[in-house]
PDB file of N, CA and C in Angstrom:
ATOM      1  N   MET A   1     103.989 109.382  86.691  1.00  0.00           N
ATOM      2  CA  MET A   1     104.503 109.600  87.767  1.00  0.00           C
ATOM      3  C   MET A   1     106.133 110.242  87.524  1.00  0.00           C
ATOM      4  N   SER A   2     105.552 111.391  88.084  1.00  0.00           N
ATOM      5  CA  SER A   2     107.093 112.072  87.759  1.00  0.00           C
ATOM      6  C   SER A   2     108.514 112.130  88.389  1.00  0.00           C
ATOM      7  N   GLY A   3     108.915 112.496  88.069  1.00  0.00           N
ATOM      8  CA  GLY A   3     110.581 112.386  88.833  1.00  0.00           C
ATOM      9  C   GLY A   3     111.404 110.500  89.327  1.00  0.00           C
ATOM     10  N   ILE A   4     110.597 109.931  87.597  1.00  0.00           N
ATOM     11  CA  ILE A   4     110.962 108.265  87.686  1.00  0.00           C
ATOM     12  C   ILE A   4     112.718 107.976  88.119  1.00  0.00           C
ATOM     13  N   ASP A   5     112.591 107.281  89.226  1.00  0.00           N
ATOM     14  CA  ASP A   5     113.897 107.206  89.388  1.00  0.00           C
ATOM     15  C   ASP A   5     114.004 105.412  88.907  1.00  0.00           C
ATOM     16  N   ARG A   6     114.115 104.928  87.633  1.00  0.00           N
ATOM     17  CA  ARG A   6     113.762 103.328  87.302  1.00  0.00           C
ATOM     18  C   ARG A   6     115.028 102.797  88.045  1.00  0.00           C
ATOM     19  N   GLU A   7     115.912 102.892  88.009  1.00  0.00           N
ATOM     20  CA  GLU A   7     117.357 102.018  88.518  1.00  0.00           C
ATOM     21  C   GLU A   7     117.319 102.310  90.215  1.00  0.00           C
ATOM     22  N   ALA A   8     116.672 103.163  90.798  1.00  0.00           N
ATOM     23  CA  ALA A   8     116.463 103.096  92.266  1.00  0.00           C
ATOM     24  C   ALA A   8     114.999 102.229  92.490  1.00  0.00           C
ATOM     25  N   ASP A   9     114.156 102.165  91.781  1.00  0.00           N
ATOM     26  CA  ASP A   9     112.977 101.530  91.642  1.00  0.00           C
ATOM     27  C   ASP A   9     113.151 100.065  92.003  1.00  0.00           C
ATOM     28  N   ALA A  10     113.678 100.225  91.011  1.00  0.00           N
ATOM     29  CA  ALA A  10     114.179  98.638  90.476  1.00  0.00           C
ATOM     30  C   ALA A  10     115.224  97.604  91.688  1.00  0.00           C
ATOM     31  N   GLU A  11     116.148  98.576  92.119  1.00  0.00           N
ATOM     32  CA  GLU A  11     116.802  98.221  93.545  1.00  0.00           C
ATOM     33  C   GLU A  11     116.078  97.800  94.706  1.00  0.00           C
ATOM     34  N   MET A  12     114.450  98.794  94.564  1.00  0.00           N
ATOM     35  CA  MET A  12     113.828  98.388  95.897  1.00  0.00           C
ATOM     36  C   MET A  12     113.404  97.473  96.201  1.00  0.00           C
ATOM     37  N   LEU A  13     112.434  97.439  94.391  1.00  0.00           N
ATOM     38  CA  LEU A  13     111.883  95.761  94.389  1.00  0.00           C
ATOM     39  C   LEU A  13     112.845  94.897  94.473  1.00  0.00           C
ATOM     40  N   LYS A  14     113.974  94.592  93.753  1.00  0.00           N
ATOM     41  CA  LYS A  14     114.934  93.479  94.214  1.00  0.00           C
ATOM     42  C   LYS A  14     115.177  92.864  95.505  1.00  0.00           C
ATOM     43  N   ALA A  15     115.299  94.440  96.366  1.00  0.00           N
ATOM     44  CA  ALA A  15     115.843  94.107  97.733  1.00  0.00           C
ATOM     45  C   ALA A  15     114.304  93.623  98.432  1.00  0.00           C
ATOM     46  N   LEU A  16     112.836  93.676  98.028  1.00  0.00           N
ATOM     47  CA  LEU A  16     111.951  93.050  98.378  1.00  0.00           C
ATOM     48  C   LEU A  16     111.730  91.425  97.757  1.00  0.00           C
ATOM     49  N   ALA A  17     112.580  91.471  96.886  1.00  0.00           N
ATOM     50  CA  ALA A  17     112.035  90.122  96.199  1.00  0.00           C
ATOM     51  C   ALA A  17     113.389  88.966  96.913  1.00  0.00           C
ATOM     52  N   HIS A  18     113.600  89.202  97.930  1.00  0.00           N
ATOM     53  CA  HIS A  18     113.820  88.044  99.228  1.00  0.00           C
ATOM     54  C   HIS A  18     113.736  87.775 100.314  1.00  0.00           C
ATOM     55  N   ALA A  19     113.585  86.200 100.418  1.00  0.00           N
ATOM     56  CA  ALA A  19     113.003  85.507 101.307  1.00  0.00           C
ATOM     57  C   ALA A  19     113.599  86.134 102.877  1.00  0.00           C
ATOM     58  N   THR A  20     115.136  86.297 103.409  1.00  0.00           N
ATOM     59  CA  THR A  20     115.185  86.505 104.455  1.00  0.00           C
ATOM     60  C   THR A  20     115.081  87.924 104.677  1.00  0.00           C
ATOM     61  N   ARG A  21     115.307  88.983 103.773  1.00  0.00           N
ATOM     62  CA  ARG A  21     115.130  90.119 103.604  1.00  0.00           C
ATOM     63  C   ARG A  21     113.595  90.620 104.369  1.00  0.00           C
ATOM     64  N   LEU A  22     112.726  89.796 103.556  1.00  0.00           N
ATOM     65  CA  LEU A  22     110.986  89.788 104.084  1.00  0.00           C
ATOM     66  C   LEU A  22     110.557  89.463 105.731  1.00  0.00           C
ATOM     67  N   ALA A  23     111.830  88.507 106.031  1.00  0.00           N
ATOM     68  CA  ALA A  23     111.691  88.137 107.131  1.00  0.00           C
ATOM     69  C   ALA A  23     111.938  89.029 108.179  1.00  0.00           C
ATOM     70  N   ILE A  24     112.642  89.665 107.630  1.00  0.00           N
ATOM     71  CA  ILE A  24     113.299  90.748 108.663  1.00  0.00           C
ATOM     72  C   ILE A  24     112.545  91.835 108.841  1.00  0.00           C
ATOM     73  N   LEU A  25     111.830  92.439 107.112  1.00  0.00           N
ATOM     74  CA  LEU A  25     110.689  93.249 107.050  1.00  0.00           C
ATOM     75  C   LEU A  25     109.904  92.963 108.062  1.00  0.00           C
ATOM     76  N   ASP A  26     109.151  91.414 107.905  1.00  0.00           N
ATOM     77  CA  ASP A  26     108.075  91.740 108.875  1.00  0.00           C
ATOM     78  C   ASP A  26     108.626  91.567 110.500  1.00  0.00           C
ATOM     79  N   ALA A  27     109.636  90.955 110.635  1.00  0.00           N
ATOM     80  CA  ALA A  27     109.863  91.181 111.830  1.00  0.00           C
ATOM     81  C   ALA A  27     109.499  92.599 112.436  1.00  0.00           C
ATOM     82  N   LEU A  28     110.059  93.165 111.825  1.00  0.00           N
ATOM     83  CA  LEU A  28     109.956  94.634 111.702  1.00  0.00           C
ATOM     84  C   LEU A  28     108.215  95.516 111.673  1.00  0.00           C
ATOM     85  N   VAL A  29     107.444  95.155 111.490  1.00  0.00           N
ATOM     86  CA  VAL A  29     106.245  95.493 111.639  1.00  0.00           C
ATOM     87  C   VAL A  29     105.881  96.285 112.463  1.00  0.00           C
ATOM     88  N   GLY A  30     105.550  97.118 112.602  1.00  0.00           N
ATOM     89  CA  GLY A  30     104.947  98.129 113.808  1.00  0.00           C
ATOM     90  C   GLY A  30     105.752  98.277 114.906  1.00  0.00           C
ATOM     91  N   ARG A  31     106.864  97.796 114.644  1.00  0.00           N
ATOM     92  CA  ARG A  31     108.093  98.379 116.131  1.00  0.00           C
ATOM     93  C   ARG A  31     109.712  98.509 115.747  1.00  0.00           C
ATOM     94  N   GLU A  32     110.467  98.816 116.575  1.00  0.00           N
ATOM     95  CA  GLU A  32     111.781  99.459 116.669  1.00  0.00           C
ATOM     96  C   GLU A  32     112.276  98.034 117.257  1.00  0.00           C
ATOM     97  N   LEU A  33     113.464  97.536 116.782  1.00  0.00           N
ATOM     98  CA  LEU A  33     114.094  96.475 117.341  1.00  0.00           C
ATOM     99  C   LEU A  33     115.646  96.535 117.051  1.00  0.00           C
ATOM    100  N   SER A  34     116.282  96.332 118.285  1.00  0.00           N
ATOM    101  CA  SER A  34     117.730  96.406 118.238  1.00  0.00           C
ATOM    102  C   SER A  34     118.353  94.881 117.281  1.00  0.00           C
ATOM    103  N   VAL A  35     119.429  95.414 116.865  1.00  0.00           N
ATOM    104  CA  VAL A  35     120.130  94.081 116.439  1.00  0.00           C
ATOM    105  C   VAL A  35     119.863  92.491 116.863  1.00  0.00           C
ATOM    106  N   GLY A  36     120.282  92.432 118.353  1.00  0.00           N
ATOM    107  CA  GLY A  36     119.994  91.934 119.111  1.00  0.00           C
ATOM    108  C   GLY A  36     118.892  91.158 119.085  1.00  0.00           C
ATOM    109  N   GLN A  37     117.920  92.037 118.710  1.00  0.00           N
ATOM    110  CA  GLN A  37     116.317  91.635 119.143  1.00  0.00           C
ATOM    111  C   GLN A  37     115.744  90.858 117.795  1.00  0.00           C
ATOM    112  N   LEU A  38     115.903  91.784 116.690  1.00  0.00           N
ATOM    113  CA  LEU A  38     115.844  91.162 115.257  1.00  0.00           C
ATOM    114  C   LEU A  38     116.275  90.320 114.770  1.00  0.00           C
ATOM    115  N   GLU A  39     117.398  89.929 115.277  1.00  0.00           N
ATOM    116  CA  GLU A  39     117.850  88.588 115.125  1.00  0.00           C
ATOM    117  C   GLU A  39     117.001  87.652 115.886  1.00  0.00           C
ATOM    118  N   ALA A  40     116.704  87.117 117.289  1.00  0.00           N
ATOM    119  CA  ALA A  40     115.560  86.650 117.753  1.00  0.00           C
ATOM    120  C   ALA A  40     114.457  86.777 117.082  1.00  0.00           C
ATOM    121  N   ALA A  41     114.528  87.748 116.521  1.00  0.00           N
ATOM    122  CA  ALA A  41     112.705  88.149 115.755  1.00  0.00           C
ATOM    123  C   ALA A  41     112.355  87.422 114.661  1.00  0.00           C
ATOM    124  N   SER A  42     113.330  87.398 113.662  1.00  0.00           N
ATOM    125  CA  SER A  42     113.670  87.216 112.389  1.00  0.00           C
ATOM    126  C   SER A  42     114.261  85.489 112.500  1.00  0.00           C
ATOM    127  N   GLY A  43     115.037  84.853 113.389  1.00  0.00           N
ATOM    128  CA  GLY A  43     115.906  83.948 113.171  1.00  0.00           C
ATOM    129  C   GLY A  43     116.720  83.773 112.097  1.00  0.00           C
ATOM    130  N   VAL A  44     117.267  85.104 112.084  1.00  0.00           N
ATOM    131  CA  VAL A  44     118.162  85.419 111.198  1.00  0.00           C
ATOM    132  C   VAL A  44     119.584  85.072 111.798  1.00  0.00           C
ATOM    133  N   SER A  45     120.490  84.737 111.730  1.00  0.00           N
ATOM    134  CA  SER A  45     121.645  84.494 112.013  1.00  0.00           C
ATOM    135  C   SER A  45     122.354  86.444 111.978  1.00  0.00           C
ATOM    136  N   GLN A  46     123.309  86.588 112.773  1.00  0.00           N
ATOM    137  CA  GLN A  46     123.854  87.746 112.988  1.00  0.00           C
ATOM    138  C   GLN A  46     124.589  88.160 111.511  1.00  0.00           C
ATOM    139  N   PRO A  47     125.265  87.132 111.134  1.00  0.00           N
ATOM    140  CA  PRO A  47     126.041  88.099 110.199  1.00  0.00           C
ATOM    141  C   PRO A  47     126.016  87.928 108.752  1.00  0.00           C
ATOM    142  N   VAL A  48     124.155  87.133 108.870  1.00  0.00           N
ATOM    143  CA  VAL A  48     123.574  87.216 107.255  1.00  0.00           C
ATOM    144  C   VAL A  48     122.377  88.716 107.852  1.00  0.00           C
ATOM    145  N   LEU A  49     122.428  88.591 109.036  1.00  0.00           N
ATOM    146  CA  LEU A  49     121.150  89.544 109.324  1.00  0.00           C
ATOM    147  C   LEU A  49     122.261  90.824 108.640  1.00  0.00           C
ATOM    148  N   SER A  50     123.083  91.138 109.492  1.00  0.00           N
ATOM    149  CA  SER A  50     124.077  92.439 109.156  1.00  0.00           C
ATOM    150  C   SER A  50     124.381  92.809 107.742  1.00  0.00           C
ATOM    151  N   GLN A  51     124.585  91.706 106.793  1.00  0.00           N
ATOM    152  CA  GLN A  51     124.350  91.726 105.329  1.00  0.00           C
ATOM    153  C   GLN A  51     123.316  92.687 104.966  1.00  0.00           C
ATOM    154  N   GLN A  52     122.104  91.732 105.165  1.00  0.00           N
ATOM    155  CA  GLN A  52     121.147  92.067 104.420  1.00  0.00           C
ATOM    156  C   GLN A  52     120.276  92.959 105.134  1.00  0.00           C
ATOM    157  N   LEU A  53     120.478  93.648 106.143  1.00  0.00           N
ATOM    158  CA  LEU A  53     120.211  94.763 106.767  1.00  0.00           C
ATOM    159  C   LEU A  53     121.032  96.378 105.944  1.00  0.00           C
ATOM    160  N   ALA A  54     122.067  95.959 105.826  1.00  0.00           N
ATOM    161  CA  ALA A  54     123.060  96.964 104.436  1.00  0.00           C
ATOM    162  C   ALA A  54     122.336  96.767 103.534  1.00  0.00           C
ATOM    163  N   ILE A  55     121.648  96.027 102.836  1.00  0.00           N
ATOM    164  CA  ILE A  55     121.115  95.908 102.037  1.00  0.00           C
ATOM    165  C   ILE A  55     119.667  96.498 101.681  1.00  0.00           C
ATOM    166  N   LEU A  56     118.999  96.550 103.103  1.00  0.00           N
ATOM    167  CA  LEU A  56     117.999  97.461 103.288  1.00  0.00           C
ATOM    168  C   LEU A  56     117.865  98.650 103.486  1.00  0.00           C
ATOM    169  N   ARG A  57     118.912  98.971 104.540  1.00  0.00           N
ATOM    170  CA  ARG A  57     119.337 100.569 104.891  1.00  0.00           C
ATOM    171  C   ARG A  57     119.272 101.270 103.500  1.00  0.00           C
ATOM    172  N   GLY A  58     120.787 100.487 102.159  1.00  0.00           N
ATOM    173  CA  GLY A  58     120.972 101.404 100.876  1.00  0.00           C
ATOM    174  C   GLY A  58     119.808 101.497 100.111  1.00  0.00           C
ATOM    175  N   VAL A  59     118.646 100.778 100.229  1.00  0.00           N
ATOM    176  CA  VAL A  59     117.718 101.483  99.372  1.00  0.00           C
ATOM    177  C   VAL A  59     117.079 101.775 100.227  1.00  0.00           C
ATOM    178  N   GLY A  60     116.721 102.123 101.700  1.00  0.00           N
ATOM    179  CA  GLY A  60     116.064 103.506 102.638  1.00  0.00           C
ATOM    180  C   GLY A  60     114.873 102.110 102.535  1.00  0.00           C
ATOM    181  N   LEU A  61     115.119 100.834 102.961  1.00  0.00           N
ATOM    182  CA  LEU A  61     113.360 100.531 103.399  1.00  0.00           C
ATOM    183  C   LEU A  61     113.695 100.435 105.094  1.00  0.00           C
ATOM    184  N   VAL A  62     114.617 100.784 105.371  1.00  0.00           N
ATOM    185  CA  VAL A  62     114.743 100.581 106.896  1.00  0.00           C
ATOM    186  C   VAL A  62     115.847 101.948 107.296  1.00  0.00           C
ATOM    187  N   SER A  63     115.614 102.027 108.263  1.00  0.00           N
ATOM    188  CA  SER A  63     116.415 103.764 109.108  1.00  0.00           C
ATOM    189  C   SER A  63     116.547 103.317 110.739  1.00  0.00           C
ATOM    190  N   THR A  64     117.834 104.055 110.937  1.00  0.00           N
ATOM    191  CA  THR A  64     118.549 103.450 111.890  1.00  0.00           C
ATOM    192  C   THR A  64     118.381 104.373 113.078  1.00  0.00           C
ATOM    193  N   ARG A  65     118.444 104.263 114.374  1.00  0.00           N
ATOM    194  CA  ARG A  65     118.832 105.273 115.224  1.00  0.00           C
ATOM    195  C   ARG A  65     119.499 104.246 116.254  1.00  0.00           C
ATOM    196  N   ARG A  66     120.723 105.294 116.563  1.00  0.00           N
ATOM    197  CA  ARG A  66     121.934 104.761 117.601  1.00  0.00           C
ATOM    198  C   ARG A  66     121.369 104.984 118.850  1.00  0.00           C
ATOM    199  N   ALA A  67     121.800 104.391 119.628  1.00  0.00           N
ATOM    200  CA  ALA A  67     121.359 104.671 121.637  1.00  0.00           C
ATOM    201  C   ALA A  67     122.281 103.676 121.989  1.00  0.00           C
ATOM    202  N   ALA A  68     123.180 104.756 122.942  1.00  0.00           N
ATOM    203  CA  ALA A  68     124.607 104.380 123.650  1.00  0.00           C
ATOM    204  C   ALA A  68     125.062 103.134 122.319  1.00  0.00           C
ATOM    205  N   LYS A  69     125.874 101.808 122.858  1.00  0.00           N
ATOM    206  CA  LYS A  69     126.327 101.348 121.041  1.00  0.00           C
ATOM    207  C   LYS A  69     125.345 100.414 120.939  1.00  0.00           C
ATOM    208  N   GLN A  70     124.395 100.833 120.868  1.00  0.00           N
ATOM    209  CA  GLN A  70     123.158  99.419 120.113  1.00  0.00           C
ATOM    210  C   GLN A  70     122.429 100.656 118.941  1.00  0.00           C
ATOM    211  N   ILE A  71     122.237  99.623 117.656  1.00  0.00           N
ATOM    212  CA  ILE A  71     121.750 100.229 116.948  1.00  0.00           C
ATOM    213  C   ILE A  71     120.080  99.621 117.078  1.00  0.00           C
ATOM    214  N   PHE A  72     119.430 100.515 116.367  1.00  0.00           N
ATOM    215  CA  PHE A  72     117.894 100.091 116.848  1.00  0.00           C
ATOM    216  C   PHE A  72     117.612 100.152 114.603  1.00  0.00           C
ATOM    217  N   TYR A  73     116.740  99.635 114.345  1.00  0.00           N
ATOM    218  CA  TYR A  73     116.223  99.551 113.005  1.00  0.00           C
ATOM    219  C   TYR A  73     114.299  99.579 112.901  1.00  0.00           C
ATOM    220  N   ARG A  74     114.044 100.120 111.788  1.00  0.00           N
ATOM    221  CA  ARG A  74     112.334 100.414 112.001  1.00  0.00           C
ATOM    222  C   ARG A  74     112.238 100.384 110.582  1.00  0.00           C
ATOM    223  N   LEU A  75     111.476 100.334 110.038  1.00  0.00           N
ATOM    224  CA  LEU A  75     111.119 100.421 108.624  1.00  0.00           C
ATOM    225  C   LEU A  75     110.705 101.773 108.473  1.00  0.00           C
ATOM    226  N   HIS A  76     111.165 102.271 107.299  1.00  0.00           N
ATOM    227  CA  HIS A  76     111.377 103.227 106.698  1.00  0.00           C
ATOM    228  C   HIS A  76     109.825 103.551 105.520  1.00  0.00           C
ATOM    229  N   SER A  77     109.299 104.477 106.141  1.00  0.00           N
ATOM    230  CA  SER A  77     107.938 104.123 105.168  1.00  0.00           C
ATOM    231  C   SER A  77     107.491 105.088 103.996  1.00  0.00           C
ATOM    232  N   PRO A  78     108.071 106.038 103.998  1.00  0.00           N
ATOM    233  CA  PRO A  78     108.087 106.561 102.474  1.00  0.00           C
ATOM    234  C   PRO A  78     108.802 105.670 101.651  1.00  0.00           C
ATOM    235  N   GLN A  79     109.524 104.796 101.427  1.00  0.00           N
ATOM    236  CA  GLN A  79     110.057 104.110 100.318  1.00  0.00           C
ATOM    237  C   GLN A  79     109.126 102.921 100.479  1.00  0.00           C
ATOM    238  N   PHE A  80     108.275 102.680 101.140  1.00  0.00           N
ATOM    239  CA  PHE A  80     106.981 101.567 101.063  1.00  0.00           C
ATOM    240  C   PHE A  80     106.200 102.473 100.271  1.00  0.00           C
ATOM    241  N   VAL A  81     105.850 103.588 100.543  1.00  0.00           N
ATOM    242  CA  VAL A  81     104.684 104.436 100.188  1.00  0.00           C
ATOM    243  C   VAL A  81     104.972 103.921  98.485  1.00  0.00           C
ATOM    244  N   ARG A  82     106.257 104.591  98.036  1.00  0.00           N
ATOM    245  CA  ARG A  82     107.103 104.610  96.633  1.00  0.00           C
ATOM    246  C   ARG A  82     106.680 102.657  96.563  1.00  0.00           C
ATOM    247  N   ALA A  83     107.312 102.077  96.666  1.00  0.00           N
ATOM    248  CA  ALA A  83     107.035 100.765  96.740  1.00  0.00           C
ATOM    249  C   ALA A  83     105.410 100.448  96.353  1.00  0.00           C
ATOM    250  N   ARG A  84     104.665 100.622  97.128  1.00  0.00           N
ATOM    251  CA  ARG A  84     102.976 100.642  96.594  1.00  0.00           C
ATOM    252  C   ARG A  84     102.785 101.307  95.478  1.00  0.00           C
ATOM    253  N   GLY A  85     103.251 102.599  95.651  1.00  0.00           N
ATOM    254  CA  GLY A  85     102.681 103.242  94.289  1.00  0.00           C
ATOM    255  C   GLY A  85     102.771 102.581  92.970  1.00  0.00           C
ATOM    256  N   LEU A  86     104.128 102.224  93.123  1.00  0.00           N
ATOM    257  CA  LEU A  86     104.497 101.632  92.234  1.00  0.00           C
ATOM    258  C   LEU A  86     103.733 100.207  91.501  1.00  0.00           C
ATOM    259  N   ILE A  87     103.381  99.291  92.435  1.00  0.00           N
ATOM    260  CA  ILE A  87     102.631  97.920  92.364  1.00  0.00           C
ATOM    261  C   ILE A  87     101.159  98.524  92.153  1.00  0.00           C
ATOM    262  N   ASP A  88     100.786  99.627  93.012  1.00  0.00           N
ATOM    263  CA  ASP A  88      99.260  99.645  92.488  1.00  0.00           C
ATOM    264  C   ASP A  88      98.915 100.428  91.212  1.00  0.00           C
ATOM    265  N   ARG A  89      99.715 101.249  90.667  1.00  0.00           N
ATOM    266  CA  ARG A  89     100.026 102.107  89.079  1.00  0.00           C
ATOM    267  C   ARG A  89     100.045 100.663  88.077  1.00  0.00           C
ATOM    268  N   PHE A  90     100.816  99.438  88.430  1.00  0.00           N
ATOM    269  CA  PHE A  90     101.173  98.308  87.654  1.00  0.00           C
ATOM    270  C   PHE A  90      99.749  97.447  87.415  1.00  0.00           C
ATOM    271  N   ALA A  91      99.367  97.393  88.745  1.00  0.00           N
ATOM    272  CA  ALA A  91      98.118  96.286  88.775  1.00  0.00           C
ATOM    273  C   ALA A  91      96.750  97.203  88.258  1.00  0.00           C
ATOM    274  N   ALA A  92      96.556  98.466  88.618  1.00  0.00           N
ATOM    275  CA  ALA A  92      95.289  99.191  87.733  1.00  0.00           C
ATOM    276  C   ALA A  92      95.091  99.335  86.143  1.00  0.00           C
ATOM    277  N   ALA A  93      97.123  98.947  85.831  1.00  0.00           N
ATOM    278  CA  ALA A  93      96.850  99.284  84.443  1.00  0.00           C
ATOM    279  C   ALA A  93      96.748  97.876  83.982  1.00  0.00           C
ATOM    280  N   ALA A  94      96.697  96.770  84.528  1.00  0.00           N
ATOM    281  CA  ALA A  94      96.719  95.988  84.088  1.00  0.00           C
ATOM    282  C   ALA A  94      94.856  94.844  84.371  1.00  0.00           C
ATOM    283  N   THR A  95      94.629  95.725  85.087  1.00  0.00           N
ATOM    284  CA  THR A  95      93.172  94.947  85.442  1.00  0.00           C
ATOM    285  C   THR A  95      92.036  96.948  84.922  1.00  0.00           C
ATOM    286  N   ALA A  96      92.669  97.650  83.893  1.00  0.00           N
ATOM    287  CA  ALA A  96      92.012  98.467  83.648  1.00  0.00           C
ATOM    288  C   ALA A  96      91.390  98.376  81.961  1.00  0.00           C
ATOM    289  N   ASP A  97      92.563  97.481  81.206  1.00  0.00           N
ATOM    290  CA  ASP A  97      91.553  97.312  79.913  1.00  0.00           C
ATOM    291  C   ASP A  97      90.823  95.729  80.042  1.00  0.00           C
ATOM    292  N   PRO A  98      89.566  95.811  80.114  1.00  0.00           N
ATOM    293  CA  PRO A  98      89.485  94.460  80.106  1.00  0.00           C
ATOM    294  C   PRO A  98      89.412  93.765  78.761  1.00  0.00           C
ATOM    295  N   GLY A  99      90.021  93.856  77.819  1.00  0.00           N
ATOM    296  CA  GLY A  99      89.985  94.196  76.398  1.00  0.00           C
ATOM    297  C   GLY A  99      91.604  93.391  76.131  1.00  0.00           C
ATOM    298  N   VAL A 100      92.370  93.100  77.238  1.00  0.00           N
ATOM    299  CA  VAL A 100      93.500  92.479  77.160  1.00  0.00           C
ATOM    300  C   VAL A 100      93.410  90.904  78.113  1.00  0.00           C
ATOM    301  N   LEU A 101      93.876  90.497  77.519  1.00  0.00           N
ATOM    302  CA  LEU A 101      93.854  88.663  78.164  1.00  0.00           C
ATOM    303  C   LEU A 101      95.041  88.543  79.117  1.00  0.00           C
ATOM    304  N   PRO A 102      94.766  87.998  80.275  1.00  0.00           N
ATOM    305  CA  PRO A 102      95.160  88.048  81.001  1.00  0.00           C
ATOM    306  C   PRO A 102      96.539  86.640  80.663  1.00  0.00           C
ATOM    307  N   LEU A 103      98.246  87.147  81.149  1.00  0.00           N
ATOM    308  CA  LEU A 103      99.414  86.083  80.994  1.00  0.00           C
ATOM    309  C   LEU A 103      98.763  84.874  81.040  1.00  0.00           C
ATOM    310  N   GLN A 104      99.285  83.570  80.360  1.00  0.00           N
ATOM    311  CA  GLN A 104      99.199  82.096  80.519  1.00  0.00           C
ATOM    312  C   GLN A 104     100.330  81.683  80.705  1.00  0.00           C
ATOM    313  N   ASP A 105     100.608  80.822  81.502  1.00  0.00           N
ATOM    314  CA  ASP A 105     101.653  79.715  81.939  1.00  0.00           C
ATOM    315  C   ASP A 105     102.239  79.374  80.819  1.00  0.00           C
ATOM    316  N   ALA A 106     103.790  79.411  80.689  1.00  0.00           N
ATOM    317  CA  ALA A 106     104.018  78.545  79.164  1.00  0.00           C
ATOM    318  C   ALA A 106     103.904  77.282  79.079  1.00  0.00           C
ATOM    319  N   SER A 107     103.701  76.328  79.572  1.00  0.00           N
ATOM    320  CA  SER A 107     103.067  75.198  79.408  1.00  0.00           C
ATOM    321  C   SER A 107     101.693  75.163  78.973  1.00  0.00           C
ATOM    322  N   MET A 108     100.796  76.341  79.212  1.00  0.00           N
ATOM    323  CA  MET A 108      99.532  76.225  78.306  1.00  0.00           C
ATOM    324  C   MET A 108      99.487  77.293  77.162  1.00  0.00           C
ATOM    325  N   ARG A 109     100.444  77.440  76.482  1.00  0.00           N
ATOM    326  CA  ARG A 109     100.398  78.263  75.788  1.00  0.00           C
ATOM    327  C   ARG A 109     100.796  76.997  74.539  1.00  0.00           C
ATOM    328  N   GLY A 110     100.895  75.958  74.817  1.00  0.00           N
ATOM    329  CA  GLY A 110     101.812  74.986  73.885  1.00  0.00           C
ATOM    330  C   GLY A 110     102.716  75.403  72.600  1.00  0.00           C
ATOM    331  N   GLY A 111     103.716  75.583  73.221  1.00  0.00           N
ATOM    332  CA  GLY A 111     104.614  75.675  72.554  1.00  0.00           C
ATOM    333  C   GLY A 111     106.737  76.520  73.146  1.00  0.00           C
ATOM    334  N   GLY A 112     107.064  76.959  72.534  1.00  0.00           N
ATOM    335  CA  GLY A 112     108.189  77.549  73.111  1.00  0.00           C
ATOM    336  C   GLY A 112     109.487  76.292  72.806  1.00  0.00           C
ATOM    337  N   ALA A 113     110.413  76.844  73.773  1.00  0.00           N
ATOM    338  CA  ALA A 113     111.561  76.202  73.384  1.00  0.00           C
ATOM    339  C   ALA A 113     111.426  73.884  73.609  1.00  0.00           C
ATOM    340  N   ALA A 114     110.410  73.774  74.660  1.00  0.00           N
ATOM    341  CA  ALA A 114     110.137  72.305  74.811  1.00  0.00           C
ATOM    342  C   ALA A 114     109.348  71.901  72.858  1.00  0.00           C
ATOM    343  N   MET A 115     108.812  72.363  72.273  1.00  0.00           N
ATOM    344  CA  MET A 115     108.220  72.378  70.809  1.00  0.00           C
ATOM    345  C   MET A 115     109.115  72.470  70.079  1.00  0.00           C
ATOM    346  N   PHE A 116     110.165  72.876  70.200  1.00  0.00           N
ATOM    347  CA  PHE A 116     111.046  73.382  68.944  1.00  0.00           C
ATOM    348  C   PHE A 116     112.443  72.505  69.038  1.00  0.00           C
ATOM    349  N   ALA A 117     112.382  71.727  70.195  1.00  0.00           N
ATOM    350  CA  ALA A 117     113.680  70.862  69.853  1.00  0.00           C
ATOM    351  C   ALA A 117     112.923  69.630  70.387  1.00  0.00           C
ATOM    352  N   ARG A 118     112.136  68.869  69.551  1.00  0.00           N
ATOM    353  CA  ARG A 118     111.518  67.603  68.748  1.00  0.00           C
ATOM    354  C   ARG A 118     112.711  66.948  68.755  1.00  0.00           C
ATOM    355  N   MET A 119     112.554  65.691  69.694  1.00  0.00           N
ATOM    356  CA  MET A 119     113.616  64.273  69.543  1.00  0.00           C
ATOM    357  C   MET A 119     113.082  63.276  67.806  1.00  0.00           C
ATOM    358  N   ALA A 120     113.459  62.948  67.541  1.00  0.00           N
ATOM    359  CA  ALA A 120     113.036  61.753  65.907  1.00  0.00           C
ATOM    360  C   ALA A 120     112.637  60.854  66.754  1.00  0.00           C
ATOM    361  N   PRO A 121     112.272  59.408  66.638  1.00  0.00           N
ATOM    362  CA  PRO A 121     112.236  58.540  67.277  1.00  0.00           C
ATOM    363  C   PRO A 121     113.436  57.387  66.794  1.00  0.00           C
ATOM    364  N   ALA A 122     113.799  56.553  67.543  1.00  0.00           N
ATOM    365  CA  ALA A 122     114.983  55.805  67.663  1.00  0.00           C
ATOM    366  C   ALA A 122     115.120  54.983  66.042  1.00  0.00           C
ATOM    367  N   GLY A 123     116.507  55.165  65.551  1.00  0.00           N
ATOM    368  CA  GLY A 123     116.376  54.298  64.201  1.00  0.00           C
ATOM    369  C   GLY A 123     115.987  55.240  62.732  1.00  0.00           C
ATOM    370  N   SER A 124     115.102  56.231  63.828  1.00  0.00           N
ATOM    371  CA  SER A 124     114.469  57.051  62.256  1.00  0.00           C
ATOM    372  C   SER A 124     115.621  58.126  62.077  1.00  0.00           C
ATOM    373  N   ARG A 125     116.723  58.279  61.671  1.00  0.00           N
ATOM    374  CA  ARG A 125     117.337  59.094  61.432  1.00  0.00           C
ATOM    375  C   ARG A 125     117.053  59.943  60.067  1.00  0.00           C
ATOM    376  N   SER A 126     116.820  61.096  59.879  1.00  0.00           N
ATOM    377  CA  SER A 126     116.630  61.729  58.509  1.00  0.00           C
ATOM    378  C   SER A 126     117.824  61.892  58.130  1.00  0.00           C
ATOM    379  N   ARG A 127     118.149  61.617  56.649  1.00  0.00           N
ATOM    380  CA  ARG A 127     120.036  61.973  55.899  1.00  0.00           C
ATOM    381  C   ARG A 127     119.227  63.059  54.748  1.00  0.00           C
TER     382      ARG A 127
END
């Protein structure tokens, strides 16, 4: 990908990795909503909604339209196309090489910090 802006991409992906923001984005799928409608559709209270919408606007995932005193929100598709491109790129790379083993959960590797810090049985102190 030419013109990679890793900081901007990381901020966009961080914005997507939040349950409240995902609820807001889900409420906007296929429609444009005012703040009041978005509050009712997402179940997110107005103060929290305003804070989260500011984050989503900041990374370009939503856009706004003002009509009189109301502000309407909608998904901003270019950023979602970019996010999908990032995820598709990593997914393609992860599945392209059949010789690469899938990642395992730490508990399946039989090691880590828990194995390093073993405790001696009571009464058997080493000197």
